[in-house]
Amino acid sequence: MRQPITTPDGAGSLCVAIVETVADEEGVDPTELDVPLNDAVDVGALEALFAPRADGAQRRGRVAFDYCGYRVVVDSDRRVSVDPLDETTVDR
């Protein structure tokens, strides 16, 4: 497993980090991935889920989903981890 990366706050940065991380694991440019991220997860909801609250407090939680043959895990501190799925469970 690759070391988790922590993404900066900012609109779109979390989704960009996910796509770039998966593309890096695949050894391709992010534009060469076969499946758009929004086919795997609602990207607007994902960004909103981990955006700071109105009072600045950090949200808590974790979300996991499958994308391009990887299990993607995003933690509330905006850490992104990717692990290859078992060949028999790949859902692209």
C-alpha atoms as a PDB file:
ATOM      1  CA  MET A   1       0.000   0.000   0.000  1.00  0.00           C
ATOM      2  CA  ARG A   2       1.152   3.475  -0.819  1.00  0.00           C
ATOM      3  CA  GLN A   3       1.570   5.909   2.060  1.00  0.00           C
ATOM      4  CA  PRO A   4      -1.634   7.922   2.557  1.00  0.00           C
ATOM      5  CA  ILE A   5      -1.462  11.477   1.282  1.00  0.00           C
ATOM      6  CA  THR A   6      -3.078  14.426   3.013  1.00  0.00           C
ATOM      7  CA  THR A   7      -4.814  16.822   0.673  1.00  0.00           C
ATOM      8  CA  PRO A   8      -5.050  20.551   1.209  1.00  0.00           C
ATOM      9  CA  ASP A   9      -8.349  22.293   1.840  1.00  0.00           C
ATOM     10  CA  GLY A  10      -9.838  23.843  -1.251  1.00  0.00           C
ATOM     11  CA  ALA A  11     -12.548  23.236  -3.777  1.00  0.00           C
ATOM     12  CA  GLY A  12     -11.836  20.179  -5.876  1.00  0.00           C
ATOM     13  CA  SER A  13      -8.507  19.358  -4.260  1.00  0.00           C
ATOM     14  CA  LEU A  14      -9.712  16.135  -2.667  1.00  0.00           C
ATOM     15  CA  CYS A  15     -11.050  14.720  -5.933  1.00  0.00           C
ATOM     16  CA  VAL A  16      -7.954  15.814  -7.831  1.00  0.00           C
ATOM     17  CA  ALA A  17      -5.785  14.053  -5.246  1.00  0.00           C
ATOM     18  CA  ILE A  18      -7.801  10.837  -5.605  1.00  0.00           C
ATOM     19  CA  VAL A  19      -7.518  10.809  -9.392  1.00  0.00           C
ATOM     20  CA  GLU A  20      -3.806  11.684  -9.310  1.00  0.00           C
ATOM     21  CA  THR A  21      -3.085   9.001  -6.706  1.00  0.00           C
ATOM     22  CA  VAL A  22      -4.877   6.270  -8.657  1.00  0.00           C
ATOM     23  CA  ALA A  23      -3.236   7.387 -11.913  1.00  0.00           C
ATOM     24  CA  ASP A  24       0.163   7.295 -10.213  1.00  0.00           C
ATOM     25  CA  GLU A  25      -0.503   3.749  -9.017  1.00  0.00           C
ATOM     26  CA  GLU A  26      -1.488   2.791 -12.584  1.00  0.00           C
ATOM     27  CA  GLY A  27       1.558   4.554 -14.043  1.00  0.00           C
ATOM     28  CA  VAL A  28      -0.570   6.732 -16.340  1.00  0.00           C
ATOM     29  CA  ASP A  29      -1.549  10.361 -16.730  1.00  0.00           C
ATOM     30  CA  PRO A  30      -4.762  11.188 -14.841  1.00  0.00           C
ATOM     31  CA  THR A  31      -6.483  11.915 -18.155  1.00  0.00           C
ATOM     32  CA  GLU A  32      -5.801   8.322 -19.239  1.00  0.00           C
ATOM     33  CA  LEU A  33      -7.904   6.649 -16.537  1.00  0.00           C
ATOM     34  CA  ASP A  34     -10.766   4.692 -18.106  1.00  0.00           C
ATOM     35  CA  VAL A  35     -13.457   5.756 -15.647  1.00  0.00           C
ATOM     36  CA  PRO A  36     -14.325   9.284 -14.523  1.00  0.00           C
ATOM     37  CA  LEU A  37     -14.292   9.654 -10.741  1.00  0.00           C
ATOM     38  CA  ASN A  38     -17.920  10.786 -10.746  1.00  0.00           C
ATOM     39  CA  ASP A  39     -18.899   7.336 -12.071  1.00  0.00           C
ATOM     40  CA  ALA A  40     -17.653   5.876  -8.772  1.00  0.00           C
ATOM     41  CA  VAL A  41     -18.737   8.518  -6.261  1.00  0.00           C
ATOM     42  CA  ASP A  42     -20.703  11.767  -6.100  1.00  0.00           C
ATOM     43  CA  VAL A  43     -17.741  14.150  -6.185  1.00  0.00           C
ATOM     44  CA  GLY A  44     -19.707  17.146  -4.932  1.00  0.00           C
ATOM     45  CA  ALA A  45     -20.968  15.192  -1.949  1.00  0.00           C
ATOM     46  CA  LEU A  46     -17.476  13.853  -1.248  1.00  0.00           C
ATOM     47  CA  GLU A  47     -15.967  17.347  -1.212  1.00  0.00           C
ATOM     48  CA  ALA A  48     -18.825  18.656   0.975  1.00  0.00           C
ATOM     49  CA  LEU A  49     -18.548  15.730   3.369  1.00  0.00           C
ATOM     50  CA  PHE A  50     -14.985  16.659   4.307  1.00  0.00           C
ATOM     51  CA  ALA A  51     -15.207  20.436   4.042  1.00  0.00           C
ATOM     52  CA  PRO A  52     -14.758  22.302   7.327  1.00  0.00           C
ATOM     53  CA  ARG A  53     -17.964  23.154   9.182  1.00  0.00           C
ATOM     54  CA  ALA A  54     -19.262  26.721   9.218  1.00  0.00           C
ATOM     55  CA  ASP A  55     -17.667  27.227  12.640  1.00  0.00           C
ATOM     56  CA  GLY A  56     -14.325  25.931  11.310  1.00  0.00           C
ATOM     57  CA  ALA A  57     -14.502  22.631  13.176  1.00  0.00           C
ATOM     58  CA  GLN A  58     -13.195  19.567  11.384  1.00  0.00           C
ATOM     59  CA  ARG A  59     -15.703  16.900  10.454  1.00  0.00           C
ATOM     60  CA  ARG A  60     -15.184  13.296  11.528  1.00  0.00           C
ATOM     61  CA  GLY A  61     -15.661  10.204   9.446  1.00  0.00           C
ATOM     62  CA  ARG A  62     -14.366   8.007   6.704  1.00  0.00           C
ATOM     63  CA  VAL A  63     -15.660   6.962   3.319  1.00  0.00           C
ATOM     64  CA  ALA A  64     -14.486   4.099   1.131  1.00  0.00           C
ATOM     65  CA  PHE A  65     -15.355   3.242  -2.443  1.00  0.00           C
ATOM     66  CA  ASP A  66     -13.966   1.294  -5.385  1.00  0.00           C
ATOM     67  CA  TYR A  67     -12.453   3.160  -8.315  1.00  0.00           C
ATOM     68  CA  CYS A  68     -10.497   1.826 -11.304  1.00  0.00           C
ATOM     69  CA  GLY A  69      -9.561  -1.407  -9.537  1.00  0.00           C
ATOM     70  CA  TYR A  70      -8.591   0.229  -6.232  1.00  0.00           C
ATOM     71  CA  ARG A  71     -10.242   0.614  -2.850  1.00  0.00           C
ATOM     72  CA  VAL A  72     -10.074   4.340  -2.096  1.00  0.00           C
ATOM     73  CA  VAL A  73     -10.372   5.425   1.535  1.00  0.00           C
ATOM     74  CA  VAL A  74     -10.774   9.076   2.503  1.00  0.00           C
ATOM     75  CA  ASP A  75     -10.531  10.061   6.156  1.00  0.00           C
ATOM     76  CA  SER A  76     -11.939  13.201   7.744  1.00  0.00           C
ATOM     77  CA  ASP A  77      -8.441  14.673   7.966  1.00  0.00           C
ATOM     78  CA  ARG A  78      -8.429  14.503   4.137  1.00  0.00           C
ATOM     79  CA  ARG A  79      -5.991  11.582   3.976  1.00  0.00           C
ATOM     80  CA  VAL A  80      -6.395   9.520   0.829  1.00  0.00           C
ATOM     81  CA  SER A  81      -5.288   5.873   0.694  1.00  0.00           C
ATOM     82  CA  VAL A  82      -5.556   3.498  -2.244  1.00  0.00           C
ATOM     83  CA  ASP A  83      -5.134  -0.271  -2.248  1.00  0.00           C
ATOM     84  CA  PRO A  84      -5.490  -2.598  -5.233  1.00  0.00           C
ATOM     85  CA  LEU A  85      -8.628  -4.694  -5.187  1.00  0.00           C
ATOM     86  CA  ASP A  86      -8.381  -8.454  -5.423  1.00  0.00           C
ATOM     87  CA  GLU A  87      -8.574  -9.457  -9.102  1.00  0.00           C
ATOM     88  CA  THR A  88     -11.824 -11.350  -8.486  1.00  0.00           C
ATOM     89  CA  THR A  89     -13.566  -8.306  -6.984  1.00  0.00           C
ATOM     90  CA  VAL A  90     -12.547  -5.603  -9.445  1.00  0.00           C
ATOM     91  CA  ASP A  91     -15.507  -3.445 -10.418  1.00  0.00           C
ATOM     92  CA  ARG A  92     -14.430  -0.836 -12.926  1.00  0.00           C
END
